[in-house]
Amino acid sequence: METSALYQKIHRLPLSKQQVVSDYVEFLLSKSRKRPAKKPHPRAGYMKGTLIYMSDDFNEPLDDFKEYM
């Protein structure tokens, strides 16, 4: 559709309907604007090898839970 034909159709509408068309055009424009790219979620294991220190008894049972064992 040519721009002039669209303009003529909109121009024949009552002012209240022209406002509705204008609002809808703004809505369509806002949907088509580029949004910033989202950063991808880190994958499992991406931090592997970055741990600097881990206690030697890391996997040992905690003293707080001895009564339950």
PDB file of N, CA and C in Angstrom:
ATOM      1  N   MET A   1       0.851  -1.174   0.000  1.00  0.00           N
ATOM      2  CA  MET A   1       0.000   0.000   0.000  1.00  0.00           C
ATOM      3  C   MET A   1       0.898   1.238   0.000  1.00  0.00           C
ATOM      4  N   GLU A   2       0.543   2.171  -0.816  1.00  0.00           N
ATOM      5  CA  GLU A   2       1.307   3.414  -0.888  1.00  0.00           C
ATOM      6  C   GLU A   2       1.022   4.290   0.322  1.00  0.00           C
ATOM      7  N   THR A   3       1.987   5.077   0.677  1.00  0.00           N
ATOM      8  CA  THR A   3       1.854   5.960   1.832  1.00  0.00           C
ATOM      9  C   THR A   3       0.729   6.962   1.633  1.00  0.00           C
ATOM     10  N   SER A   4       0.610   7.500   0.416  1.00  0.00           N
ATOM     11  CA  SER A   4      -0.435   8.501   0.166  1.00  0.00           C
ATOM     12  C   SER A   4      -1.828   7.890   0.291  1.00  0.00           C
ATOM     13  N   ALA A   5      -2.014   6.648  -0.146  1.00  0.00           N
ATOM     14  CA  ALA A   5      -3.322   5.985  -0.032  1.00  0.00           C
ATOM     15  C   ALA A   5      -3.660   5.747   1.439  1.00  0.00           C
ATOM     16  N   LEU A   6      -2.665   5.348   2.203  1.00  0.00           N
ATOM     17  CA  LEU A   6      -2.875   5.139   3.635  1.00  0.00           C
ATOM     18  C   LEU A   6      -3.209   6.460   4.320  1.00  0.00           C
ATOM     19  N   TYR A   7      -2.490   7.493   3.969  1.00  0.00           N
ATOM     20  CA  TYR A   7      -2.761   8.823   4.541  1.00  0.00           C
ATOM     21  C   TYR A   7      -4.191   9.268   4.245  1.00  0.00           C
ATOM     22  N   GLN A   8      -4.638   9.053   3.017  1.00  0.00           N
ATOM     23  CA  GLN A   8      -5.993   9.465   2.640  1.00  0.00           C
ATOM     24  C   GLN A   8      -7.044   8.700   3.443  1.00  0.00           C
ATOM     25  N   LYS A   9      -6.821   7.421   3.655  1.00  0.00           N
ATOM     26  CA  LYS A   9      -7.768   6.634   4.443  1.00  0.00           C
ATOM     27  C   LYS A   9      -7.817   7.116   5.889  1.00  0.00           C
ATOM     28  N   ILE A  10      -6.650   7.369   6.454  1.00  0.00           N
ATOM     29  CA  ILE A  10      -6.592   7.848   7.840  1.00  0.00           C
ATOM     30  C   ILE A  10      -7.238   9.224   7.940  1.00  0.00           C
ATOM     31  N   HIS A  11      -7.011  10.075   6.939  1.00  0.00           N
ATOM     32  CA  HIS A  11      -7.541  11.436   6.939  1.00  0.00           C
ATOM     33  C   HIS A  11      -9.067  11.444   6.913  1.00  0.00           C
ATOM     34  N   ARG A  12      -9.685  10.416   6.332  1.00  0.00           N
ATOM     35  CA  ARG A  12     -11.151  10.346   6.268  1.00  0.00           C
ATOM     36  C   ARG A  12     -11.771   9.889   7.592  1.00  0.00           C
ATOM     37  N   LEU A  13     -10.980   9.376   8.491  1.00  0.00           N
ATOM     38  CA  LEU A  13     -11.497   8.908   9.786  1.00  0.00           C
ATOM     39  C   LEU A  13     -11.805  10.086  10.697  1.00  0.00           C
ATOM     40  N   PRO A  14     -12.733   9.900  11.635  1.00  0.00           N
ATOM     41  CA  PRO A  14     -12.953  10.939  12.654  1.00  0.00           C
ATOM     42  C   PRO A  14     -11.687  11.095  13.509  1.00  0.00           C
ATOM     43  N   LEU A  15     -11.549  12.257  14.129  1.00  0.00           N
ATOM     44  CA  LEU A  15     -10.332  12.538  14.904  1.00  0.00           C
ATOM     45  C   LEU A  15     -10.084  11.506  16.004  1.00  0.00           C
ATOM     46  N   SER A  16     -11.125  11.036  16.631  1.00  0.00           N
ATOM     47  CA  SER A  16     -10.944  10.048  17.706  1.00  0.00           C
ATOM     48  C   SER A  16     -10.348   8.757  17.160  1.00  0.00           C
ATOM     49  N   LYS A  17     -10.774   8.368  15.950  1.00  0.00           N
ATOM     50  CA  LYS A  17     -10.232   7.153  15.329  1.00  0.00           C
ATOM     51  C   LYS A  17      -8.813   7.390  14.818  1.00  0.00           C
ATOM     52  N   GLN A  18      -8.524   8.602  14.389  1.00  0.00           N
ATOM     53  CA  GLN A  18      -7.156   8.921  13.969  1.00  0.00           C
ATOM     54  C   GLN A  18      -6.197   8.781  15.150  1.00  0.00           C
ATOM     55  N   GLN A  19      -6.666   9.161  16.338  1.00  0.00           N
ATOM     56  CA  GLN A  19      -5.840   9.017  17.540  1.00  0.00           C
ATOM     57  C   GLN A  19      -5.579   7.541  17.829  1.00  0.00           C
ATOM     58  N   VAL A  20      -6.590   6.712  17.626  1.00  0.00           N
ATOM     59  CA  VAL A  20      -6.429   5.265  17.829  1.00  0.00           C
ATOM     60  C   VAL A  20      -5.385   4.719  16.861  1.00  0.00           C
ATOM     61  N   VAL A  21      -5.459   5.150  15.612  1.00  0.00           N
ATOM     62  CA  VAL A  21      -4.478   4.715  14.606  1.00  0.00           C
ATOM     63  C   VAL A  21      -3.080   5.182  15.008  1.00  0.00           C
ATOM     64  N   SER A  22      -2.979   6.415  15.448  1.00  0.00           N
ATOM     65  CA  SER A  22      -1.685   6.952  15.869  1.00  0.00           C
ATOM     66  C   SER A  22      -1.110   6.146  17.047  1.00  0.00           C
ATOM     67  N   ASP A  23      -1.962   5.841  18.013  1.00  0.00           N
ATOM     68  CA  ASP A  23      -1.512   5.043  19.162  1.00  0.00           C
ATOM     69  C   ASP A  23      -1.035   3.661  18.719  1.00  0.00           C
ATOM     70  N   TYR A  24      -1.767   3.064  17.785  1.00  0.00           N
ATOM     71  CA  TYR A  24      -1.395   1.734  17.315  1.00  0.00           C
ATOM     72  C   TYR A  24      -0.073   1.775  16.548  1.00  0.00           C
ATOM     73  N   VAL A  25       0.131   2.822  15.758  1.00  0.00           N
ATOM     74  CA  VAL A  25       1.404   2.973  15.039  1.00  0.00           C
ATOM     75  C   VAL A  25       2.547   3.111  16.033  1.00  0.00           C
ATOM     76  N   GLU A  26       2.351   3.888  17.095  1.00  0.00           N
ATOM     77  CA  GLU A  26       3.380   4.014  18.134  1.00  0.00           C
ATOM     78  C   GLU A  26       3.673   2.672  18.786  1.00  0.00           C
ATOM     79  N   PHE A  27       2.633   1.899  19.041  1.00  0.00           N
ATOM     80  CA  PHE A  27       2.796   0.561  19.609  1.00  0.00           C
ATOM     81  C   PHE A  27       3.635  -0.311  18.678  1.00  0.00           C
ATOM     82  N   LEU A  28       3.300  -0.315  17.390  1.00  0.00           N
ATOM     83  CA  LEU A  28       4.053  -1.120  16.430  1.00  0.00           C
ATOM     84  C   LEU A  28       5.511  -0.672  16.341  1.00  0.00           C
ATOM     85  N   LEU A  29       5.732   0.629  16.375  1.00  0.00           N
ATOM     86  CA  LEU A  29       7.102   1.140  16.332  1.00  0.00           C
ATOM     87  C   LEU A  29       7.892   0.717  17.567  1.00  0.00           C
ATOM     88  N   SER A  30       7.250   0.753  18.724  1.00  0.00           N
ATOM     89  CA  SER A  30       7.960   0.360  19.950  1.00  0.00           C
ATOM     90  C   SER A  30       8.300  -1.119  19.932  1.00  0.00           C
ATOM     91  N   LYS A  31       7.448  -1.946  19.322  1.00  0.00           N
ATOM     92  CA  LYS A  31       7.722  -3.378  19.236  1.00  0.00           C
ATOM     93  C   LYS A  31       8.857  -3.672  18.269  1.00  0.00           C
ATOM     94  N   SER A  32       9.040  -2.813  17.263  1.00  0.00           N
ATOM     95  CA  SER A  32      10.047  -3.088  16.241  1.00  0.00           C
ATOM     96  C   SER A  32      11.417  -2.498  16.570  1.00  0.00           C
ATOM     97  N   ARG A  33      11.478  -1.641  17.613  1.00  0.00           N
ATOM     98  CA  ARG A  33      12.777  -1.083  17.999  1.00  0.00           C
ATOM     99  C   ARG A  33      13.673  -2.183  18.525  1.00  0.00           C
ATOM    100  N   LYS A  34      14.929  -2.061  18.208  1.00  0.00           N
ATOM    101  CA  LYS A  34      15.871  -3.080  18.664  1.00  0.00           C
ATOM    102  C   LYS A  34      16.085  -2.959  20.160  1.00  0.00           C
ATOM    103  N   ARG A  35      16.038  -4.096  20.808  1.00  0.00           N
ATOM    104  CA  ARG A  35      16.312  -4.156  22.244  1.00  0.00           C
ATOM    105  C   ARG A  35      17.747  -4.610  22.429  1.00  0.00           C
ATOM    106  N   PRO A  36      18.363  -4.210  23.534  1.00  0.00           N
ATOM    107  CA  PRO A  36      19.736  -4.663  23.773  1.00  0.00           C
ATOM    108  C   PRO A  36      19.778  -6.183  23.854  1.00  0.00           C
ATOM    109  N   ALA A  37      20.818  -6.739  23.299  1.00  0.00           N
ATOM    110  CA  ALA A  37      20.965  -8.195  23.305  1.00  0.00           C
ATOM    111  C   ALA A  37      21.159  -8.691  24.731  1.00  0.00           C
ATOM    112  N   LYS A  38      20.468  -9.766  25.042  1.00  0.00           N
ATOM    113  CA  LYS A  38      20.609 -10.355  26.362  1.00  0.00           C
ATOM    114  C   LYS A  38      21.889 -11.166  26.421  1.00  0.00           C
ATOM    115  N   LYS A  39      22.542 -11.099  27.566  1.00  0.00           N
ATOM    116  CA  LYS A  39      23.727 -11.908  27.758  1.00  0.00           C
ATOM    117  C   LYS A  39      23.295 -13.356  27.937  1.00  0.00           C
ATOM    118  N   PRO A  40      23.995 -14.277  27.299  1.00  0.00           N
ATOM    119  CA  PRO A  40      23.605 -15.678  27.463  1.00  0.00           C
ATOM    120  C   PRO A  40      23.863 -16.149  28.893  1.00  0.00           C
ATOM    121  N   HIS A  41      23.029 -17.054  29.343  1.00  0.00           N
ATOM    122  CA  HIS A  41      23.216 -17.614  30.672  1.00  0.00           C
ATOM    123  C   HIS A  41      24.483 -18.462  30.676  1.00  0.00           C
ATOM    124  N   PRO A  42      25.251 -18.393  31.762  1.00  0.00           N
ATOM    125  CA  PRO A  42      26.455 -19.218  31.813  1.00  0.00           C
ATOM    126  C   PRO A  42      26.088 -20.691  31.811  1.00  0.00           C
ATOM    127  N   ARG A  43      26.907 -21.467  31.145  1.00  0.00           N
ATOM    128  CA  ARG A  43      26.666 -22.903  31.094  1.00  0.00           C
ATOM    129  C   ARG A  43      27.266 -23.565  32.320  1.00  0.00           C
ATOM    130  N   ALA A  44      26.748 -24.729  32.648  1.00  0.00           N
ATOM    131  CA  ALA A  44      27.251 -25.484  33.798  1.00  0.00           C
ATOM    132  C   ALA A  44      28.735 -25.769  33.588  1.00  0.00           C
ATOM    133  N   GLY A  45      29.508 -25.521  34.629  1.00  0.00           N
ATOM    134  CA  GLY A  45      30.932 -25.815  34.591  1.00  0.00           C
ATOM    135  C   GLY A  45      31.799 -24.703  34.042  1.00  0.00           C
ATOM    136  N   TYR A  46      31.231 -23.555  33.742  1.00  0.00           N
ATOM    137  CA  TYR A  46      32.039 -22.499  33.142  1.00  0.00           C
ATOM    138  C   TYR A  46      33.057 -21.912  34.122  1.00  0.00           C
ATOM    139  N   MET A  47      32.884 -22.148  35.437  1.00  0.00           N
ATOM    140  CA  MET A  47      33.827 -21.653  36.435  1.00  0.00           C
ATOM    141  C   MET A  47      34.856 -22.710  36.843  1.00  0.00           C
ATOM    142  N   LYS A  48      34.846 -23.846  36.170  1.00  0.00           N
ATOM    143  CA  LYS A  48      35.752 -24.931  36.527  1.00  0.00           C
ATOM    144  C   LYS A  48      37.198 -24.445  36.482  1.00  0.00           C
ATOM    145  N   GLY A  49      37.925 -24.765  37.543  1.00  0.00           N
ATOM    146  CA  GLY A  49      39.328 -24.388  37.612  1.00  0.00           C
ATOM    147  C   GLY A  49      39.581 -23.006  38.173  1.00  0.00           C
ATOM    148  N   THR A  50      38.555 -22.280  38.565  1.00  0.00           N
ATOM    149  CA  THR A  50      38.758 -20.930  39.078  1.00  0.00           C
ATOM    150  C   THR A  50      38.778 -20.876  40.595  1.00  0.00           C
ATOM    151  N   LEU A  51      38.427 -21.975  41.265  1.00  0.00           N
ATOM    152  CA  LEU A  51      38.436 -22.000  42.722  1.00  0.00           C
ATOM    153  C   LEU A  51      39.877 -22.009  43.209  1.00  0.00           C
ATOM    154  N   ILE A  52      40.215 -21.079  44.050  1.00  0.00           N
ATOM    155  CA  ILE A  52      41.591 -20.936  44.497  1.00  0.00           C
ATOM    156  C   ILE A  52      41.878 -21.795  45.727  1.00  0.00           C
ATOM    157  N   TYR A  53      40.951 -21.822  46.690  1.00  0.00           N
ATOM    158  CA  TYR A  53      41.210 -22.549  47.923  1.00  0.00           C
ATOM    159  C   TYR A  53      39.962 -23.297  48.363  1.00  0.00           C
ATOM    160  N   MET A  54      40.160 -24.567  48.753  1.00  0.00           N
ATOM    161  CA  MET A  54      39.077 -25.337  49.340  1.00  0.00           C
ATOM    162  C   MET A  54      39.678 -26.130  50.497  1.00  0.00           C
ATOM    163  N   SER A  55      39.031 -26.099  51.623  1.00  0.00           N
ATOM    164  CA  SER A  55      39.502 -26.790  52.811  1.00  0.00           C
ATOM    165  C   SER A  55      39.639 -28.291  52.545  1.00  0.00           C
ATOM    166  N   ASP A  56      40.625 -28.928  53.192  1.00  0.00           N
ATOM    167  CA  ASP A  56      40.834 -30.367  53.011  1.00  0.00           C
ATOM    168  C   ASP A  56      39.655 -31.181  53.531  1.00  0.00           C
ATOM    169  N   ASP A  57      38.924 -30.668  54.513  1.00  0.00           N
ATOM    170  CA  ASP A  57      37.801 -31.412  55.068  1.00  0.00           C
ATOM    171  C   ASP A  57      36.447 -30.935  54.494  1.00  0.00           C
ATOM    172  N   PHE A  58      36.480 -30.412  53.306  1.00  0.00           N
ATOM    173  CA  PHE A  58      35.270 -29.874  52.689  1.00  0.00           C
ATOM    174  C   PHE A  58      34.151 -30.917  52.609  1.00  0.00           C
ATOM    175  N   ASN A  59      34.473 -32.139  52.262  1.00  0.00           N
ATOM    176  CA  ASN A  59      33.466 -33.188  52.082  1.00  0.00           C
ATOM    177  C   ASN A  59      33.162 -33.961  53.367  1.00  0.00           C
ATOM    178  N   GLU A  60      33.790 -33.612  54.450  1.00  0.00           N
ATOM    179  CA  GLU A  60      33.540 -34.289  55.716  1.00  0.00           C
ATOM    180  C   GLU A  60      32.207 -33.835  56.309  1.00  0.00           C
ATOM    181  N   PRO A  61      31.547 -34.726  57.081  1.00  0.00           N
ATOM    182  CA  PRO A  61      30.281 -34.333  57.708  1.00  0.00           C
ATOM    183  C   PRO A  61      30.488 -33.177  58.692  1.00  0.00           C
ATOM    184  N   LEU A  62      29.501 -32.343  58.805  1.00  0.00           N
ATOM    185  CA  LEU A  62      29.569 -31.213  59.725  1.00  0.00           C
ATOM    186  C   LEU A  62      29.305 -31.692  61.148  1.00  0.00           C
ATOM    187  N   ASP A  63      29.979 -31.073  62.113  1.00  0.00           N
ATOM    188  CA  ASP A  63      29.810 -31.432  63.523  1.00  0.00           C
ATOM    189  C   ASP A  63      28.365 -31.212  63.978  1.00  0.00           C
ATOM    190  N   ASP A  64      27.694 -30.242  63.412  1.00  0.00           N
ATOM    191  CA  ASP A  64      26.329 -29.947  63.802  1.00  0.00           C
ATOM    192  C   ASP A  64      25.364 -31.107  63.529  1.00  0.00           C
ATOM    193  N   PHE A  65      25.711 -32.004  62.618  1.00  0.00           N
ATOM    194  CA  PHE A  65      24.809 -33.084  62.231  1.00  0.00           C
ATOM    195  C   PHE A  65      25.238 -34.446  62.765  1.00  0.00           C
ATOM    196  N   LYS A  66      26.245 -34.486  63.627  1.00  0.00           N
ATOM    197  CA  LYS A  66      26.732 -35.771  64.142  1.00  0.00           C
ATOM    198  C   LYS A  66      25.647 -36.552  64.879  1.00  0.00           C
ATOM    199  N   GLU A  67      24.770 -35.895  65.620  1.00  0.00           N
ATOM    200  CA  GLU A  67      23.744 -36.593  66.384  1.00  0.00           C
ATOM    201  C   GLU A  67      22.722 -37.264  65.462  1.00  0.00           C
ATOM    202  N   TYR A  68      22.634 -36.859  64.213  1.00  0.00           N
ATOM    203  CA  TYR A  68      21.670 -37.462  63.291  1.00  0.00           C
ATOM    204  C   TYR A  68      22.261 -38.624  62.505  1.00  0.00           C
ATOM    205  N   MET A  69      23.541 -38.861  62.627  1.00  0.00           N
ATOM    206  CA  MET A  69      24.194 -39.913  61.844  1.00  0.00           C
ATOM    207  C   MET A  69      24.323 -41.193  62.633  1.00  0.00           C
TER     208      MET A  69
END
